[in-house]
Amino acid sequence: MNAQEIIRSIEAEQLKSDLPTIHVGDTIKVGVIIQEGGKERTQPYEGVVIAKRNGGINETITVRRVFQGVGVERVFLIHSPRIESIKVLRRGKVRRAKLYYLRDRVGKATRLKQRFDRAL
């Protein structure tokens, strides 16, 4: 058994199997585990997926939301133990792999059409 097979087998144990299918343009709610003092709690982070990268254990999604008039983007490693849950709220109808153009838009211009052909 060579080194790559060992690494692959360890990564396979860490992969989450209960994740929904996430597409770019979807509005999702990510439950992030936050440590405050000695306690842990789950903080929801809701926004639009504007990018997906990599695959397997290194798969990340970039989620954008507007908070108090300022655009905030966070990159989540979806197989991380810090991510408790991911829930798809809406499916977006998009024709791009990356939605970086939403950064330049404000207000109602950032809305995406909803997709009804895929189940939530």
C-alpha atoms as a PDB file:
ATOM      1  CA  MET A   1       0.000   0.000   0.000  1.00  0.00           C
ATOM      2  CA  ASN A   2       1.633   3.216  -1.126  1.00  0.00           C
ATOM      3  CA  ALA A   3       1.332   6.683   0.418  1.00  0.00           C
ATOM      4  CA  GLN A   4      -1.400   7.933  -1.930  1.00  0.00           C
ATOM      5  CA  GLU A   5      -3.692   5.009  -1.100  1.00  0.00           C
ATOM      6  CA  ILE A   6      -3.197   5.633   2.624  1.00  0.00           C
ATOM      7  CA  ILE A   7      -4.025   9.331   2.214  1.00  0.00           C
ATOM      8  CA  ARG A   8      -7.105   8.495   0.113  1.00  0.00           C
ATOM      9  CA  SER A   9      -8.403   6.033   2.709  1.00  0.00           C
ATOM     10  CA  ILE A  10      -7.982   8.560   5.543  1.00  0.00           C
ATOM     11  CA  GLU A  11      -9.743  11.257   3.482  1.00  0.00           C
ATOM     12  CA  ALA A  12     -12.622   8.877   2.700  1.00  0.00           C
ATOM     13  CA  GLU A  13     -13.315   8.493   6.436  1.00  0.00           C
ATOM     14  CA  GLN A  14     -13.572  12.280   6.854  1.00  0.00           C
ATOM     15  CA  LEU A  15     -15.997  12.856   3.950  1.00  0.00           C
ATOM     16  CA  LYS A  16     -19.555  13.749   4.958  1.00  0.00           C
ATOM     17  CA  SER A  17     -22.286  11.685   3.329  1.00  0.00           C
ATOM     18  CA  ASP A  18     -25.358  13.634   4.499  1.00  0.00           C
ATOM     19  CA  LEU A  19     -24.716  16.769   2.394  1.00  0.00           C
ATOM     20  CA  PRO A  20     -27.333  18.040  -0.073  1.00  0.00           C
ATOM     21  CA  THR A  21     -26.355  18.670  -3.693  1.00  0.00           C
ATOM     22  CA  ILE A  22     -25.223  22.283  -3.797  1.00  0.00           C
ATOM     23  CA  HIS A  23     -25.109  24.254  -7.029  1.00  0.00           C
ATOM     24  CA  VAL A  24     -23.852  27.755  -7.750  1.00  0.00           C
ATOM     25  CA  GLY A  25     -26.760  30.207  -7.421  1.00  0.00           C
ATOM     26  CA  ASP A  26     -28.455  28.349  -4.573  1.00  0.00           C
ATOM     27  CA  THR A  27     -29.452  30.169  -1.408  1.00  0.00           C
ATOM     28  CA  ILE A  28     -28.247  28.072   1.493  1.00  0.00           C
ATOM     29  CA  LYS A  29     -28.120  28.163   5.272  1.00  0.00           C
ATOM     30  CA  VAL A  30     -24.857  26.918   6.764  1.00  0.00           C
ATOM     31  CA  GLY A  31     -24.744  25.986  10.456  1.00  0.00           C
ATOM     32  CA  VAL A  32     -21.256  26.943  11.665  1.00  0.00           C
ATOM     33  CA  ILE A  33     -20.016  25.810  15.072  1.00  0.00           C
ATOM     34  CA  ILE A  34     -18.650  28.841  16.951  1.00  0.00           C
ATOM     35  CA  GLN A  35     -16.616  28.644  20.165  1.00  0.00           C
ATOM     36  CA  GLU A  36     -17.305  31.378  22.703  1.00  0.00           C
ATOM     37  CA  GLY A  37     -15.377  30.977  25.901  1.00  0.00           C
ATOM     38  CA  GLY A  38     -15.765  27.349  26.896  1.00  0.00           C
ATOM     39  CA  LYS A  39     -19.088  26.892  25.140  1.00  0.00           C
ATOM     40  CA  GLU A  40     -19.935  25.906  21.584  1.00  0.00           C
ATOM     41  CA  ARG A  41     -22.972  27.047  19.663  1.00  0.00           C
ATOM     42  CA  THR A  42     -24.249  26.855  16.101  1.00  0.00           C
ATOM     43  CA  GLN A  43     -24.459  30.118  14.192  1.00  0.00           C
ATOM     44  CA  PRO A  44     -26.486  30.129  10.961  1.00  0.00           C
ATOM     45  CA  TYR A  45     -24.969  31.855   7.926  1.00  0.00           C
ATOM     46  CA  GLU A  46     -27.405  32.384   5.081  1.00  0.00           C
ATOM     47  CA  GLY A  47     -26.463  33.537   1.601  1.00  0.00           C
ATOM     48  CA  VAL A  48     -26.030  32.776  -2.091  1.00  0.00           C
ATOM     49  CA  VAL A  49     -23.389  30.322  -3.310  1.00  0.00           C
ATOM     50  CA  ILE A  50     -21.273  32.329  -5.776  1.00  0.00           C
ATOM     51  CA  ALA A  51     -18.468  29.797  -6.300  1.00  0.00           C
ATOM     52  CA  LYS A  52     -17.530  26.136  -5.857  1.00  0.00           C
ATOM     53  CA  ARG A  53     -13.945  24.901  -5.920  1.00  0.00           C
ATOM     54  CA  ASN A  54     -12.024  21.623  -5.908  1.00  0.00           C
ATOM     55  CA  GLY A  55     -13.514  18.241  -5.110  1.00  0.00           C
ATOM     56  CA  GLY A  56     -13.381  15.490  -2.540  1.00  0.00           C
ATOM     57  CA  ILE A  57     -12.131  16.452   0.901  1.00  0.00           C
ATOM     58  CA  ASN A  58     -10.920  19.904  -0.269  1.00  0.00           C
ATOM     59  CA  GLU A  59     -14.266  21.031  -1.712  1.00  0.00           C
ATOM     60  CA  THR A  60     -15.123  24.624  -0.794  1.00  0.00           C
ATOM     61  CA  ILE A  61     -18.056  26.939  -1.425  1.00  0.00           C
ATOM     62  CA  THR A  62     -18.054  30.724  -1.304  1.00  0.00           C
ATOM     63  CA  VAL A  63     -21.243  32.138   0.219  1.00  0.00           C
ATOM     64  CA  ARG A  64     -22.166  35.815  -0.147  1.00  0.00           C
ATOM     65  CA  ARG A  65     -24.667  37.816   1.859  1.00  0.00           C
ATOM     66  CA  VAL A  66     -25.315  41.485   2.508  1.00  0.00           C
ATOM     67  CA  PHE A  67     -25.120  42.421   6.180  1.00  0.00           C
ATOM     68  CA  GLN A  68     -25.952  45.994   7.269  1.00  0.00           C
ATOM     69  CA  GLY A  69     -25.403  47.274   3.739  1.00  0.00           C
ATOM     70  CA  VAL A  70     -21.981  45.622   3.357  1.00  0.00           C
ATOM     71  CA  GLY A  71     -21.360  42.537   1.222  1.00  0.00           C
ATOM     72  CA  VAL A  72     -19.769  39.729   3.226  1.00  0.00           C
ATOM     73  CA  GLU A  73     -18.318  36.592   1.646  1.00  0.00           C
ATOM     74  CA  ARG A  74     -17.191  33.505   3.502  1.00  0.00           C
ATOM     75  CA  VAL A  75     -15.461  30.436   2.155  1.00  0.00           C
ATOM     76  CA  PHE A  76     -16.574  27.173   3.762  1.00  0.00           C
ATOM     77  CA  LEU A  77     -14.744  23.861   3.594  1.00  0.00           C
ATOM     78  CA  ILE A  78     -17.874  21.733   3.308  1.00  0.00           C
ATOM     79  CA  HIS A  79     -16.386  18.560   4.812  1.00  0.00           C
ATOM     80  CA  SER A  80     -15.000  20.448   7.820  1.00  0.00           C
ATOM     81  CA  PRO A  81     -16.028  19.304  11.308  1.00  0.00           C
ATOM     82  CA  ARG A  82     -16.837  22.998  12.051  1.00  0.00           C
ATOM     83  CA  ILE A  83     -19.760  22.819   9.591  1.00  0.00           C
ATOM     84  CA  GLU A  84     -22.702  21.257  11.406  1.00  0.00           C
ATOM     85  CA  SER A  85     -25.335  21.440   8.680  1.00  0.00           C
ATOM     86  CA  ILE A  86     -26.039  22.784   5.208  1.00  0.00           C
ATOM     87  CA  LYS A  87     -29.631  23.360   4.106  1.00  0.00           C
ATOM     88  CA  VAL A  88     -30.684  24.479   0.626  1.00  0.00           C
ATOM     89  CA  LEU A  89     -33.444  27.109   0.869  1.00  0.00           C
ATOM     90  CA  ARG A  90     -33.838  28.077  -2.824  1.00  0.00           C
ATOM     91  CA  ARG A  91     -32.429  26.861  -6.109  1.00  0.00           C
ATOM     92  CA  GLY A  92     -31.127  29.637  -8.357  1.00  0.00           C
ATOM     93  CA  LYS A  93     -31.300  29.623 -12.149  1.00  0.00           C
ATOM     94  CA  VAL A  94     -27.856  30.698 -13.370  1.00  0.00           C
ATOM     95  CA  ARG A  95     -25.790  30.286 -16.525  1.00  0.00           C
ATOM     96  CA  ARG A  96     -22.343  30.774 -15.042  1.00  0.00           C
ATOM     97  CA  ALA A  97     -19.968  28.671 -12.957  1.00  0.00           C
ATOM     98  CA  LYS A  98     -18.883  31.672 -10.848  1.00  0.00           C
ATOM     99  CA  LEU A  99     -21.189  34.546  -9.876  1.00  0.00           C
ATOM    100  CA  TYR A 100     -18.525  37.161  -9.111  1.00  0.00           C
ATOM    101  CA  TYR A 101     -20.561  39.732 -11.056  1.00  0.00           C
ATOM    102  CA  LEU A 102     -22.956  39.915  -8.070  1.00  0.00           C
ATOM    103  CA  ARG A 103     -20.241  41.828  -6.186  1.00  0.00           C
ATOM    104  CA  ASP A 104     -20.787  44.857  -8.427  1.00  0.00           C
ATOM    105  CA  ARG A 105     -24.565  44.824  -8.049  1.00  0.00           C
ATOM    106  CA  VAL A 106     -26.692  46.403  -5.335  1.00  0.00           C
ATOM    107  CA  GLY A 107     -30.213  45.809  -4.060  1.00  0.00           C
ATOM    108  CA  LYS A 108     -32.775  44.241  -6.362  1.00  0.00           C
ATOM    109  CA  ALA A 109     -30.179  43.791  -9.134  1.00  0.00           C
ATOM    110  CA  THR A 110     -28.654  40.941  -7.097  1.00  0.00           C
ATOM    111  CA  ARG A 111     -31.786  38.786  -7.298  1.00  0.00           C
ATOM    112  CA  LEU A 112     -31.581  35.475  -9.129  1.00  0.00           C
ATOM    113  CA  LYS A 113     -34.443  33.657 -10.808  1.00  0.00           C
ATOM    114  CA  GLN A 114     -35.653  30.601  -8.958  1.00  0.00           C
ATOM    115  CA  ARG A 115     -35.310  27.096 -10.351  1.00  0.00           C
ATOM    116  CA  PHE A 116     -38.139  24.639  -9.890  1.00  0.00           C
ATOM    117  CA  ASP A 117     -36.861  21.671 -11.899  1.00  0.00           C
ATOM    118  CA  ARG A 118     -34.545  20.420  -9.119  1.00  0.00           C
ATOM    119  CA  ALA A 119     -35.794  19.220  -5.746  1.00  0.00           C
ATOM    120  CA  LEU A 120     -34.555  21.001  -2.608  1.00  0.00           C
END
